[in-house]
Amino acid sequence: MPRRPMFPCLLCALAVACHSAPSALAARPDTNGSTADGAFVTPASSSTIDAAELQRTGASNLYDAINQLRPGFFPSRGRTSVLNQSDDEILVVLDRQVLGGVSELRNIATKITRSVRRLSAADVFQITGRMASSGGIEVVLGR
């Protein structure tokens, strides 16, 4: 049986994949928050939560407010060893210092918080000098 060239098959597969993928223009929001196809982009995709959003939740502490607004801020990499030890947790950063783990957010009132930002592992290291493979959450207090 003769071998057929794979290139035409791969080219067709690539064309189909590119055609079905959404364009970058359609996903980019306008100044009014809608995309080119009319869909509205919610602020839930943002890595920052401001004081106004926090207040609208009615939650008394940051943990509950963040959990309502951006539950994705709290992902965990889960258990990573046979000894069932957990990976390092997400660190809470306040005034460029590590305050502790996510449970510390329950001790911070939403009414005194200016903003909250989800940090990557690299951001945490750059700000605090500590390794945190799960990243962190930066809290800025004040009005």
Protein backbone atom coordinates (compact mmCIF):
# COMPACT_ATOMS: atom_id res chain seq x y z
CA MET A 1 0.00 0.00 0.00
CA PRO A 2 1.54 3.36 -0.99
CA ARG A 3 2.19 5.93 1.73
CA ARG A 4 0.27 9.14 1.37
CA PRO A 5 1.84 12.40 2.39
CA MET A 6 0.71 13.63 5.80
CA PHE A 7 1.11 17.32 4.99
CA PRO A 8 -2.31 17.83 3.32
CA CYS A 9 -4.07 16.12 6.23
CA LEU A 10 -2.24 18.24 8.79
CA LEU A 11 -2.94 21.40 6.80
CA CYS A 12 -6.67 20.62 6.74
CA ALA A 13 -6.73 19.92 10.48
CA LEU A 14 -4.94 23.20 11.16
CA ALA A 15 -7.38 25.13 8.97
CA VAL A 16 -10.37 23.63 10.80
CA ALA A 17 -8.84 24.37 14.22
CA CYS A 18 -8.06 27.99 13.31
CA HIS A 19 -11.50 28.54 11.84
CA SER A 20 -13.28 27.27 14.96
CA ALA A 21 -11.17 29.25 17.45
CA PRO A 22 -12.61 32.60 18.62
CA SER A 23 -10.78 35.63 17.34
CA ALA A 24 -8.84 37.86 19.70
CA LEU A 25 -10.94 40.82 18.54
CA ALA A 26 -14.19 39.15 19.59
CA ALA A 27 -12.87 38.51 23.08
CA ARG A 28 -11.50 42.03 23.63
CA PRO A 29 -13.95 44.23 25.57
CA ASP A 30 -14.91 47.71 24.41
CA THR A 31 -14.80 50.64 26.80
CA ASN A 32 -18.40 49.86 27.83
CA GLY A 33 -17.50 46.27 28.82
CA SER A 34 -18.99 44.48 25.82
CA THR A 35 -17.08 42.51 23.21
CA ALA A 36 -17.28 42.85 19.42
CA ASP A 37 -19.91 40.09 19.30
CA GLY A 38 -22.07 41.89 21.91
CA ALA A 39 -21.26 39.63 24.87
CA PHE A 40 -20.56 41.36 28.16
CA VAL A 41 -17.24 40.71 29.89
CA THR A 42 -17.73 40.38 33.64
CA PRO A 43 -15.18 41.75 36.07
CA ALA A 44 -14.87 38.21 37.51
CA SER A 45 -12.06 37.61 35.03
CA SER A 46 -10.02 40.35 36.69
CA SER A 47 -7.24 39.62 39.14
CA THR A 48 -8.10 42.72 41.21
CA ILE A 49 -11.11 43.49 43.40
CA ASP A 50 -11.70 47.08 44.47
CA ALA A 51 -13.38 48.42 47.62
CA ALA A 52 -16.71 49.09 45.87
CA GLU A 53 -17.00 45.44 44.74
CA LEU A 54 -16.09 44.21 48.21
CA GLN A 55 -18.74 46.41 49.83
CA ARG A 56 -21.46 45.20 47.44
CA THR A 57 -21.08 41.64 48.71
CA GLY A 58 -22.29 42.55 52.19
CA ALA A 59 -19.65 40.19 53.62
CA SER A 60 -17.97 41.25 56.83
CA ASN A 61 -14.58 39.65 56.09
CA LEU A 62 -12.36 39.37 53.04
CA TYR A 63 -12.48 35.59 52.80
CA ASP A 64 -16.25 35.56 52.37
CA ALA A 65 -16.23 38.53 49.99
CA ILE A 66 -13.52 37.06 47.75
CA ASN A 67 -15.23 33.68 47.80
CA GLN A 68 -18.42 35.34 46.48
CA LEU A 69 -16.72 37.51 43.87
CA ARG A 70 -13.78 35.42 42.65
CA PRO A 71 -13.84 31.86 43.98
CA GLY A 72 -11.00 31.15 41.55
CA PHE A 73 -8.68 33.14 43.82
CA PHE A 74 -8.53 30.10 46.11
CA PRO A 75 -7.49 27.19 43.88
CA SER A 76 -5.25 24.63 45.43
CA ARG A 77 -2.81 22.32 43.75
CA GLY A 78 -3.91 19.69 46.24
CA ARG A 79 -1.92 16.79 47.58
CA THR A 80 1.33 16.29 45.73
CA SER A 81 3.11 13.50 47.57
CA VAL A 82 2.55 9.91 48.58
CA LEU A 83 2.73 11.03 52.19
CA ASN A 84 -0.44 13.08 51.56
CA GLN A 85 1.29 16.32 52.44
CA SER A 86 -0.29 19.40 50.93
CA ASP A 87 1.55 21.70 48.60
CA ASP A 88 2.31 25.12 50.01
CA GLU A 89 -0.78 27.20 50.42
CA ILE A 90 -1.67 30.54 48.91
CA LEU A 91 0.03 33.29 50.92
CA VAL A 92 -1.68 36.49 52.04
CA VAL A 93 0.53 39.55 51.57
CA LEU A 94 -0.12 42.77 53.50
CA ASP A 95 2.23 45.77 53.40
CA ARG A 96 4.73 43.74 51.37
CA GLN A 97 4.96 41.17 54.20
CA VAL A 98 3.54 37.66 54.37
CA LEU A 99 0.65 37.72 56.82
CA GLY A 100 -0.04 34.00 56.62
CA GLY A 101 -2.35 31.67 54.74
CA VAL A 102 -5.80 32.19 53.27
CA SER A 103 -7.43 31.75 56.69
CA GLU A 104 -5.97 35.16 57.65
CA LEU A 105 -8.48 36.77 55.28
CA ARG A 106 -11.25 35.92 57.76
CA ASN A 107 -9.62 38.39 60.21
CA ILE A 108 -9.64 41.35 57.82
CA ALA A 109 -12.81 43.46 57.53
CA THR A 110 -14.02 44.34 54.05
CA LYS A 111 -14.88 47.89 55.15
CA ILE A 112 -11.21 48.77 55.77
CA THR A 113 -9.88 47.22 52.55
CA ARG A 114 -8.99 49.33 49.51
CA SER A 115 -8.24 46.43 47.14
CA VAL A 116 -7.33 42.78 46.80
CA ARG A 117 -5.17 41.35 44.04
CA ARG A 118 -4.39 37.75 43.06
CA LEU A 119 -0.64 37.24 42.77
CA SER A 120 1.31 34.71 40.75
CA ALA A 121 4.13 32.75 42.35
CA ALA A 122 6.62 35.11 40.68
CA ASP A 123 4.77 38.16 42.06
CA VAL A 124 4.90 36.78 45.61
CA PHE A 125 8.62 36.10 45.30
CA GLN A 126 9.30 39.56 43.87
CA ILE A 127 7.34 41.32 46.62
CA THR A 128 8.31 39.22 49.65
CA GLY A 129 11.30 37.09 48.67
CA ARG A 130 9.36 33.96 49.69
CA MET A 131 8.59 31.00 47.47
CA ALA A 132 4.90 30.21 47.06
CA SER A 133 4.19 27.93 44.12
CA SER A 134 0.44 28.48 44.58
CA GLY A 135 0.84 32.26 44.46
CA GLY A 136 -0.75 34.73 46.82
CA ILE A 137 -3.34 37.36 47.54
CA GLU A 138 -2.22 40.93 48.17
CA VAL A 139 -4.39 43.06 50.46
CA VAL A 140 -4.21 46.86 50.45
CA LEU A 141 -5.88 48.53 53.44
CA GLY A 142 -7.24 52.06 53.66
CA ARG A 143 -9.70 54.22 51.78
